[in-house]
Amino acid sequence: MTFPSNQQIALLLCTMVIVFSARCAAPKAPPPVERSRLSIVREQPGSIRVEGVGPIRGFARGRDCTFMHCLELILEATGRRIGYDELMGVSGMAFRTQFRVDKWDVGNPDPLVGDSCLDALFAAIGWQYDLRVVRRDELAEADALTRAIRHSVDQGVPVMAANVIPPEDWGIITGYRRDRLWLCRAYDTSAQQIDQPAAGWPTAVVILSAKKALPDRGPVHVASIRRAVELFDTRASGEYALGRKAFDEWCLSLRSARDRNYLHPNFWTYIGLIDARGAAVRYLRSIAPEFGSKEIHLKSAADAYDEEVRLLLSGLENVPPEYLYSSSIPSIEVRSRQIETLQKARALEEKAIELLKKAV
């Protein structure tokens, strides 16, 4: 679902630095006391806004999975501080590679499509969720969705939604006006900090419906390593190839690309892979001490993913964004160099997964 604009892509390329693979994990801290900083502001009759949600950082800042960063901000505002890398790790997103086999799909790195990460994610963070995908012309369902969003805001809980400020990134609905227009923010540069009227109908909505006790992190982290292995070894989920098979299908599609339709999905899938594996590096290094004598396997797997991130960054020049090719496509030589990079990345992931298998 994530679909950054050309302006966002240019910013991404200009500011991308290796924030993805910091080598030192922060010392483990005790569980924080949960104190919500959310508050409801009634600006005029029928208009409500929830204050207390931090600003969206935007692209190229180690948070390119727009869904996970929006969730991180909402959780932090409720007092349940769970960082981006932890969310990526416990959900499996840090380790998932998927590629749609029947067409080029910009949604390859989205947590909701293909092998959805939502059930594992929300079970790990101790929260129930309500996912709704409703078209605007489905009048009864659209009206029910509007009421559900207003109810959540009335309870002081912002709502996650895709495409409320196009292009189709995930954003946060923070309020509504008397004219039924939602107030929101998204990854668009102008909408990261200031709540603005929605400019699009949401293609998907996730409502945080019921807060539960935060599960013990030890079993959650063990389960996440098992899920990492499962995601790599599983061949497919619906129209999407997964794991090692996803790399193979991606390379096949690059060889047969004939028009510009491939450029943006290819670029964004590649950027999503860099971001995910950077999160995997940091996540594994942070939880490794919990695994006792098997700590070395997680640290070695993190090193393999770290090498992959650096490989992918070095090959980024062979994955051009669409605005650089207004009427043509890159040569087969350029695509062949990307294929070579992906094949090397696949081999590094094989190595990382074999190490993770030893840890569980």
Protein backbone atom coordinates (compact mmCIF):
# COMPACT_ATOMS: atom_id res chain seq x y z
CA MET A 1 0.00 0.00 0.00
CA THR A 2 2.88 2.37 0.64
CA PHE A 3 3.38 4.64 -2.36
CA PRO A 4 5.83 7.54 -1.80
CA SER A 5 5.85 10.46 -4.21
CA ASN A 6 8.77 11.42 -6.45
CA GLN A 7 9.60 14.24 -4.03
CA GLN A 8 9.74 11.76 -1.16
CA ILE A 9 11.90 9.39 -3.23
CA ALA A 10 14.35 12.19 -4.01
CA LEU A 11 14.56 13.01 -0.31
CA LEU A 12 15.04 9.33 0.45
CA LEU A 13 17.96 9.02 -1.94
CA CYS A 14 19.60 12.25 -0.80
CA THR A 15 19.41 11.52 2.91
CA MET A 16 19.83 7.73 3.08
CA VAL A 17 22.62 6.93 5.53
CA ILE A 18 23.52 3.74 7.32
CA VAL A 19 21.31 4.29 10.32
CA PHE A 20 20.03 0.80 9.61
CA SER A 21 22.84 -1.19 11.15
CA ALA A 22 24.17 0.37 14.31
CA ARG A 23 26.60 -2.11 15.85
CA CYS A 24 26.03 -1.53 19.54
CA ALA A 25 22.79 -2.56 21.23
CA ALA A 26 21.46 -0.35 24.00
CA PRO A 27 21.54 -1.85 27.50
CA LYS A 28 18.35 -3.59 28.49
CA ALA A 29 16.09 -1.31 30.51
CA PRO A 30 13.41 -2.32 33.00
CA PRO A 31 9.80 -2.18 31.75
CA PRO A 32 8.68 1.45 31.83
CA VAL A 33 5.66 2.67 33.75
CA GLU A 34 2.90 3.33 31.23
CA ARG A 35 1.67 6.91 31.39
CA SER A 36 -0.50 8.16 28.56
CA ARG A 37 0.08 11.67 27.29
CA LEU A 38 -3.00 11.66 25.07
CA SER A 39 -5.68 14.26 25.71
CA ILE A 40 -8.90 15.23 23.97
CA VAL A 41 -9.30 18.77 22.71
CA ARG A 42 -12.79 20.01 21.77
CA GLU A 43 -12.15 22.97 19.52
CA GLN A 44 -15.79 23.65 18.60
CA PRO A 45 -19.09 21.79 18.86
CA GLY A 46 -18.81 18.51 16.99
CA SER A 47 -15.08 18.81 16.39
CA ILE A 48 -12.60 16.77 18.42
CA ARG A 49 -8.84 16.30 18.20
CA VAL A 50 -6.52 13.99 20.15
CA GLU A 51 -3.29 15.65 21.23
CA GLY A 52 -0.09 13.97 22.38
CA VAL A 53 1.01 11.98 19.31
CA GLY A 54 4.58 12.75 18.27
CA PRO A 55 5.55 13.89 14.76
CA ILE A 56 6.14 11.42 11.96
CA ARG A 57 9.84 11.26 11.13
CA GLY A 58 9.34 10.58 7.43
CA PHE A 59 11.44 8.57 5.00
CA ALA A 60 15.17 7.77 5.11
CA ARG A 61 15.33 7.93 8.89
CA GLY A 62 15.28 4.24 9.67
CA ARG A 63 11.48 4.06 9.66
CA ASP A 64 10.42 3.40 6.10
CA CYS A 65 7.67 0.93 7.02
CA THR A 66 5.00 3.58 7.40
CA PHE A 67 2.57 1.30 9.23
CA MET A 68 5.07 0.39 11.96
CA HIS A 69 6.19 3.95 12.59
CA CYS A 70 2.60 5.22 12.87
CA LEU A 71 1.88 2.41 15.33
CA GLU A 72 5.07 3.22 17.25
CA LEU A 73 3.91 6.82 17.68
CA ILE A 74 0.42 5.87 18.86
CA LEU A 75 1.77 3.31 21.34
CA GLU A 76 4.30 5.77 22.69
CA ALA A 77 1.55 8.34 23.22
CA THR A 78 -0.53 5.80 25.16
CA GLY A 79 2.44 5.13 27.45
CA ARG A 80 3.26 1.71 26.01
CA ARG A 81 6.64 2.57 24.51
CA ILE A 82 7.60 -0.14 22.02
CA GLY A 83 10.21 0.97 19.53
CA TYR A 84 10.17 0.55 15.77
CA ASP A 85 12.78 -2.22 15.74
CA GLU A 86 10.88 -4.23 18.36
CA LEU A 87 7.66 -3.88 16.36
CA MET A 88 9.42 -4.96 13.19
CA GLY A 89 11.04 -7.90 14.98
CA VAL A 90 8.10 -9.35 16.91
CA SER A 91 5.78 -9.03 13.92
CA GLY A 92 8.19 -10.75 11.55
CA MET A 93 8.39 -7.72 9.26
CA ALA A 94 12.12 -7.35 9.95
CA PHE A 95 12.63 -10.79 8.36
CA ARG A 96 9.86 -11.06 5.76
CA THR A 97 10.60 -10.87 2.05
CA GLN A 98 7.66 -11.25 -0.30
CA PHE A 99 7.10 -10.61 -3.97
CA ARG A 100 3.85 -10.74 -5.92
CA VAL A 101 4.28 -13.16 -8.79
CA ASP A 102 1.45 -12.11 -11.12
CA LYS A 103 2.35 -8.43 -11.38
CA TRP A 104 4.67 -5.74 -10.09
CA ASP A 105 3.19 -4.60 -6.77
CA VAL A 106 4.22 -1.57 -4.73
CA GLY A 107 2.55 -3.26 -1.74
CA ASN A 108 5.18 -6.01 -1.47
CA PRO A 109 6.63 -4.53 1.76
CA ASP A 110 3.29 -3.63 3.35
CA PRO A 111 2.53 -5.53 6.61
CA LEU A 112 -1.13 -6.16 5.70
CA VAL A 113 -0.80 -7.77 2.29
CA GLY A 114 0.35 -11.27 1.42
CA ASP A 115 1.48 -12.95 4.63
CA SER A 116 -0.07 -10.44 7.04
CA CYS A 117 2.00 -9.61 10.10
CA LEU A 118 -0.86 -8.11 12.10
CA ASP A 119 -1.89 -11.10 14.23
CA ALA A 120 1.68 -11.79 15.39
CA LEU A 121 2.28 -8.08 15.91
CA PHE A 122 -0.75 -7.25 18.04
CA ALA A 123 -0.48 -10.45 20.09
CA ALA A 124 3.12 -9.49 20.90
CA ILE A 125 2.27 -5.94 21.99
CA GLY A 126 -0.81 -6.82 24.03
CA TRP A 127 -3.52 -5.10 22.04
CA GLN A 128 -6.58 -6.15 20.10
CA TYR A 129 -7.19 -4.56 16.74
CA ASP A 130 -9.99 -4.04 14.24
CA LEU A 131 -8.99 -4.07 10.56
CA ARG A 132 -11.44 -2.61 8.06
CA VAL A 133 -11.11 -2.33 4.30
CA VAL A 134 -14.12 -0.43 2.97
CA ARG A 135 -14.76 1.28 -0.35
CA ARG A 136 -16.32 4.72 -0.30
CA ASP A 137 -19.25 3.58 -2.43
CA GLU A 138 -20.16 0.84 0.06
CA LEU A 139 -22.45 3.27 1.83
CA ALA A 140 -23.56 1.24 4.85
CA GLU A 141 -20.04 -0.07 5.54
CA ALA A 142 -18.52 3.39 4.97
CA ASP A 143 -20.95 4.92 7.45
CA ALA A 144 -20.11 2.21 10.00
CA LEU A 145 -16.41 2.87 9.47
CA THR A 146 -16.89 6.58 10.03
CA ARG A 147 -18.73 5.89 13.30
CA ALA A 148 -16.01 3.48 14.45
CA ILE A 149 -13.27 6.03 13.77
CA ARG A 150 -15.18 8.76 15.61
CA HIS A 151 -15.77 6.41 18.55
CA SER A 152 -12.05 5.65 18.84
CA VAL A 153 -11.17 9.34 18.71
CA ASP A 154 -13.87 10.07 21.31
CA GLN A 155 -12.11 7.53 23.55
CA GLY A 156 -8.81 9.37 23.04
CA VAL A 157 -7.19 6.74 20.78
CA PRO A 158 -5.96 7.85 17.32
CA VAL A 159 -6.60 5.57 14.35
CA MET A 160 -4.21 4.25 11.70
CA ALA A 161 -5.28 4.66 8.08
CA ALA A 162 -3.73 4.34 4.63
CA ASN A 163 -4.18 6.97 1.90
CA VAL A 164 -5.83 9.64 4.06
CA ILE A 165 -3.21 12.03 2.68
CA PRO A 166 -2.19 10.59 -0.72
CA PRO A 167 0.07 9.07 -1.94
CA GLU A 168 -0.87 5.82 -0.32
CA ASP A 169 1.28 5.85 2.81
CA TRP A 170 -0.02 4.91 6.24
CA GLY A 171 -0.99 7.85 8.41
CA ILE A 172 -2.74 8.67 11.68
CA ILE A 173 -6.27 10.01 12.09
CA THR A 174 -6.08 12.30 15.11
CA GLY A 175 -9.53 13.85 15.06
CA TYR A 176 -12.62 14.85 13.11
CA ARG A 177 -14.61 17.96 12.33
CA ARG A 178 -18.28 18.68 12.47
CA ASP A 179 -18.48 18.35 8.68
CA ARG A 180 -17.33 14.70 9.09
CA LEU A 181 -13.89 15.43 7.64
CA TRP A 182 -11.06 13.68 9.45
CA LEU A 183 -7.96 15.38 10.77
CA CYS A 184 -4.80 13.42 10.15
CA ARG A 185 -1.07 13.35 9.48
CA ALA A 186 1.02 11.17 7.16
CA TYR A 187 4.48 10.71 5.70
CA ASP A 188 4.01 13.56 3.26
CA THR A 189 6.57 16.23 4.25
CA SER A 190 3.91 18.90 4.81
CA ALA A 191 1.77 16.60 6.94
CA GLN A 192 4.23 15.06 9.38
CA GLN A 193 3.60 17.33 12.37
CA ILE A 194 0.47 19.39 11.78
CA ASP A 195 -2.97 17.77 11.73
CA GLN A 196 -4.59 18.41 8.35
CA PRO A 197 -7.97 17.60 6.77
CA ALA A 198 -7.96 14.24 5.04
CA ALA A 199 -7.44 14.41 1.28
CA GLY A 200 -8.35 10.83 0.41
CA TRP A 201 -10.60 7.95 1.39
CA PRO A 202 -8.70 5.35 3.45
CA THR A 203 -7.89 2.15 1.60
CA ALA A 204 -7.45 0.38 4.95
CA VAL A 205 -8.03 1.30 8.59
CA VAL A 206 -6.67 -0.28 11.77
CA ILE A 207 -8.33 0.64 15.05
CA LEU A 208 -6.65 -0.23 18.37
CA SER A 209 -9.72 -1.68 20.03
CA ALA A 210 -8.71 -3.07 23.44
CA LYS A 211 -5.55 -2.76 25.49
CA LYS A 212 -4.39 -5.88 27.32
CA ALA A 213 -1.43 -6.72 29.54
CA LEU A 214 1.92 -6.57 27.81
CA PRO A 215 3.12 -10.16 27.26
CA ASP A 216 6.40 -11.30 28.77
CA ARG A 217 9.10 -10.39 26.31
CA GLY A 218 11.12 -13.62 26.59
CA PRO A 219 8.56 -15.96 24.95
CA VAL A 220 7.63 -13.21 22.49
CA HIS A 221 11.22 -12.91 21.33
CA VAL A 222 11.65 -16.66 20.99
CA ALA A 223 8.45 -16.81 18.92
CA SER A 224 9.75 -14.03 16.69
CA ILE A 225 12.86 -16.03 15.82
CA ARG A 226 10.74 -19.05 14.94
CA ARG A 227 8.56 -16.80 12.78
CA ALA A 228 11.66 -15.43 11.02
CA VAL A 229 12.65 -18.97 10.06
CA GLU A 230 9.10 -19.84 8.99
CA LEU A 231 8.81 -16.75 6.78
CA PHE A 232 12.01 -17.63 4.95
CA ASP A 233 11.19 -21.31 4.48
CA THR A 234 7.54 -20.77 3.42
CA ARG A 235 7.23 -20.61 -0.36
CA ALA A 236 4.04 -18.62 -0.86
CA SER A 237 1.05 -16.81 0.62
CA GLY A 238 -1.71 -16.28 -1.92
CA GLU A 239 -0.31 -14.38 -4.91
CA TYR A 240 2.94 -13.62 -3.07
CA ALA A 241 6.14 -15.66 -3.04
CA LEU A 242 7.91 -15.61 0.32
CA GLY A 243 11.45 -15.96 1.59
CA ARG A 244 14.00 -17.57 -0.73
CA LYS A 245 11.28 -18.07 -3.35
CA ALA A 246 10.53 -14.32 -3.29
CA PHE A 247 14.13 -13.53 -4.22
CA ASP A 248 13.93 -16.01 -7.12
CA GLU A 249 10.66 -14.57 -8.44
CA TRP A 250 11.97 -11.02 -8.10
CA CYS A 251 15.01 -11.88 -10.23
CA LEU A 252 12.85 -13.59 -12.85
CA SER A 253 10.59 -10.54 -13.09
CA LEU A 254 13.59 -8.23 -13.51
CA ARG A 255 14.87 -10.30 -16.40
CA SER A 256 11.54 -10.08 -18.21
CA ALA A 257 10.69 -6.41 -17.45
CA ARG A 258 9.57 -4.66 -20.63
CA ASP A 259 8.04 -1.33 -19.56
CA ARG A 260 8.21 1.40 -16.91
CA ASN A 261 5.53 -0.26 -14.77
CA TYR A 262 8.25 -2.17 -12.99
CA LEU A 263 10.29 0.86 -11.86
CA HIS A 264 8.47 2.10 -8.79
CA PRO A 265 7.41 -1.27 -7.31
CA ASN A 266 10.94 -2.54 -7.83
CA PHE A 267 12.46 0.51 -6.17
CA TRP A 268 10.11 0.51 -3.21
CA THR A 269 10.39 -3.24 -2.62
CA TYR A 270 14.18 -2.81 -2.57
CA ILE A 271 14.02 0.14 -0.14
CA GLY A 272 11.64 -1.86 2.05
CA LEU A 273 14.12 -4.73 2.13
CA ILE A 274 16.94 -2.41 3.24
CA ASP A 275 14.80 -0.93 5.99
CA ALA A 276 13.54 -4.32 7.21
CA ARG A 277 16.98 -5.90 7.42
CA GLY A 278 18.38 -2.85 9.17
CA ALA A 279 15.67 -3.31 11.78
CA ALA A 280 16.55 -7.03 11.96
CA VAL A 281 20.18 -6.18 12.76
CA ARG A 282 19.27 -3.86 15.58
CA TYR A 283 16.51 -6.12 16.91
CA LEU A 284 18.66 -9.25 17.04
CA ARG A 285 21.51 -7.45 18.77
CA SER A 286 19.14 -6.02 21.36
CA ILE A 287 17.55 -9.37 22.30
CA ALA A 288 20.60 -11.63 21.91
CA PRO A 289 21.60 -11.52 25.61
CA GLU A 290 18.24 -13.10 26.52
CA PHE A 291 19.26 -16.32 24.74
CA GLY A 292 22.09 -17.26 27.08
CA SER A 293 24.55 -19.68 25.50
CA LYS A 294 22.80 -19.26 22.15
CA GLU A 295 23.44 -15.52 22.10
CA ILE A 296 26.29 -16.02 19.66
CA HIS A 297 23.91 -17.39 17.01
CA LEU A 298 21.72 -14.29 17.11
CA LYS A 299 24.71 -11.98 16.99
CA SER A 300 26.19 -13.89 14.07
CA ALA A 301 22.84 -13.77 12.25
CA ALA A 302 22.74 -10.02 12.89
CA ASP A 303 26.20 -9.75 11.34
CA ALA A 304 24.96 -11.57 8.22
CA TYR A 305 21.98 -9.23 7.94
CA ASP A 306 24.29 -6.28 8.51
CA GLU A 307 26.43 -7.44 5.59
CA GLU A 308 23.26 -7.74 3.53
CA VAL A 309 22.21 -4.18 4.34
CA ARG A 310 25.59 -2.84 3.25
CA LEU A 311 25.44 -4.93 0.09
CA LEU A 312 21.98 -3.60 -0.76
CA LEU A 313 23.02 -0.01 -0.11
CA SER A 314 26.05 -0.41 -2.34
CA GLY A 315 23.78 -1.73 -5.11
CA LEU A 316 21.17 1.01 -4.81
CA GLU A 317 22.56 2.79 -7.89
CA ASN A 318 21.26 -0.11 -9.99
CA VAL A 319 17.71 0.33 -8.66
CA PRO A 320 16.69 3.71 -10.11
CA PRO A 321 13.43 5.45 -9.15
CA GLU A 322 10.91 6.05 -11.90
CA TYR A 323 11.43 9.81 -12.13
CA LEU A 324 14.90 9.19 -13.59
CA TYR A 325 13.34 7.32 -16.53
CA SER A 326 10.50 9.38 -17.96
CA SER A 327 10.21 7.52 -21.26
CA SER A 328 12.43 4.44 -21.05
CA ILE A 329 13.60 1.70 -18.72
CA PRO A 330 17.06 0.82 -17.44
CA SER A 331 19.19 -1.41 -19.62
CA ILE A 332 19.42 -5.15 -19.13
CA GLU A 333 22.95 -4.54 -17.82
CA VAL A 334 21.61 -2.38 -14.98
CA ARG A 335 18.93 -4.92 -14.15
CA SER A 336 21.47 -7.74 -14.29
CA ARG A 337 23.58 -5.96 -11.71
CA GLN A 338 20.54 -5.68 -9.45
CA ILE A 339 19.84 -9.38 -9.95
CA GLU A 340 23.41 -10.18 -8.92
CA THR A 341 22.95 -8.10 -5.76
CA LEU A 342 19.68 -9.85 -4.91
CA GLN A 343 21.25 -13.27 -5.40
CA LYS A 344 24.06 -12.36 -3.01
CA ALA A 345 21.49 -11.01 -0.53
CA ARG A 346 19.58 -14.29 -0.73
CA ALA A 347 22.76 -16.22 0.11
CA LEU A 348 23.40 -14.00 3.14
CA GLU A 349 19.82 -14.59 4.30
CA GLU A 350 20.32 -18.34 3.96
CA LYS A 351 23.31 -17.98 6.27
CA ALA A 352 21.37 -15.83 8.77
CA ILE A 353 18.43 -18.22 8.89
CA GLU A 354 20.65 -21.26 9.49
CA LEU A 355 22.12 -19.40 12.47
CA LEU A 356 18.68 -18.46 13.81
CA LYS A 357 17.60 -22.10 13.60
CA LYS A 358 20.39 -22.92 16.05
CA ALA A 359 18.99 -20.41 18.54
CA VAL A 360 15.53 -22.02 18.82
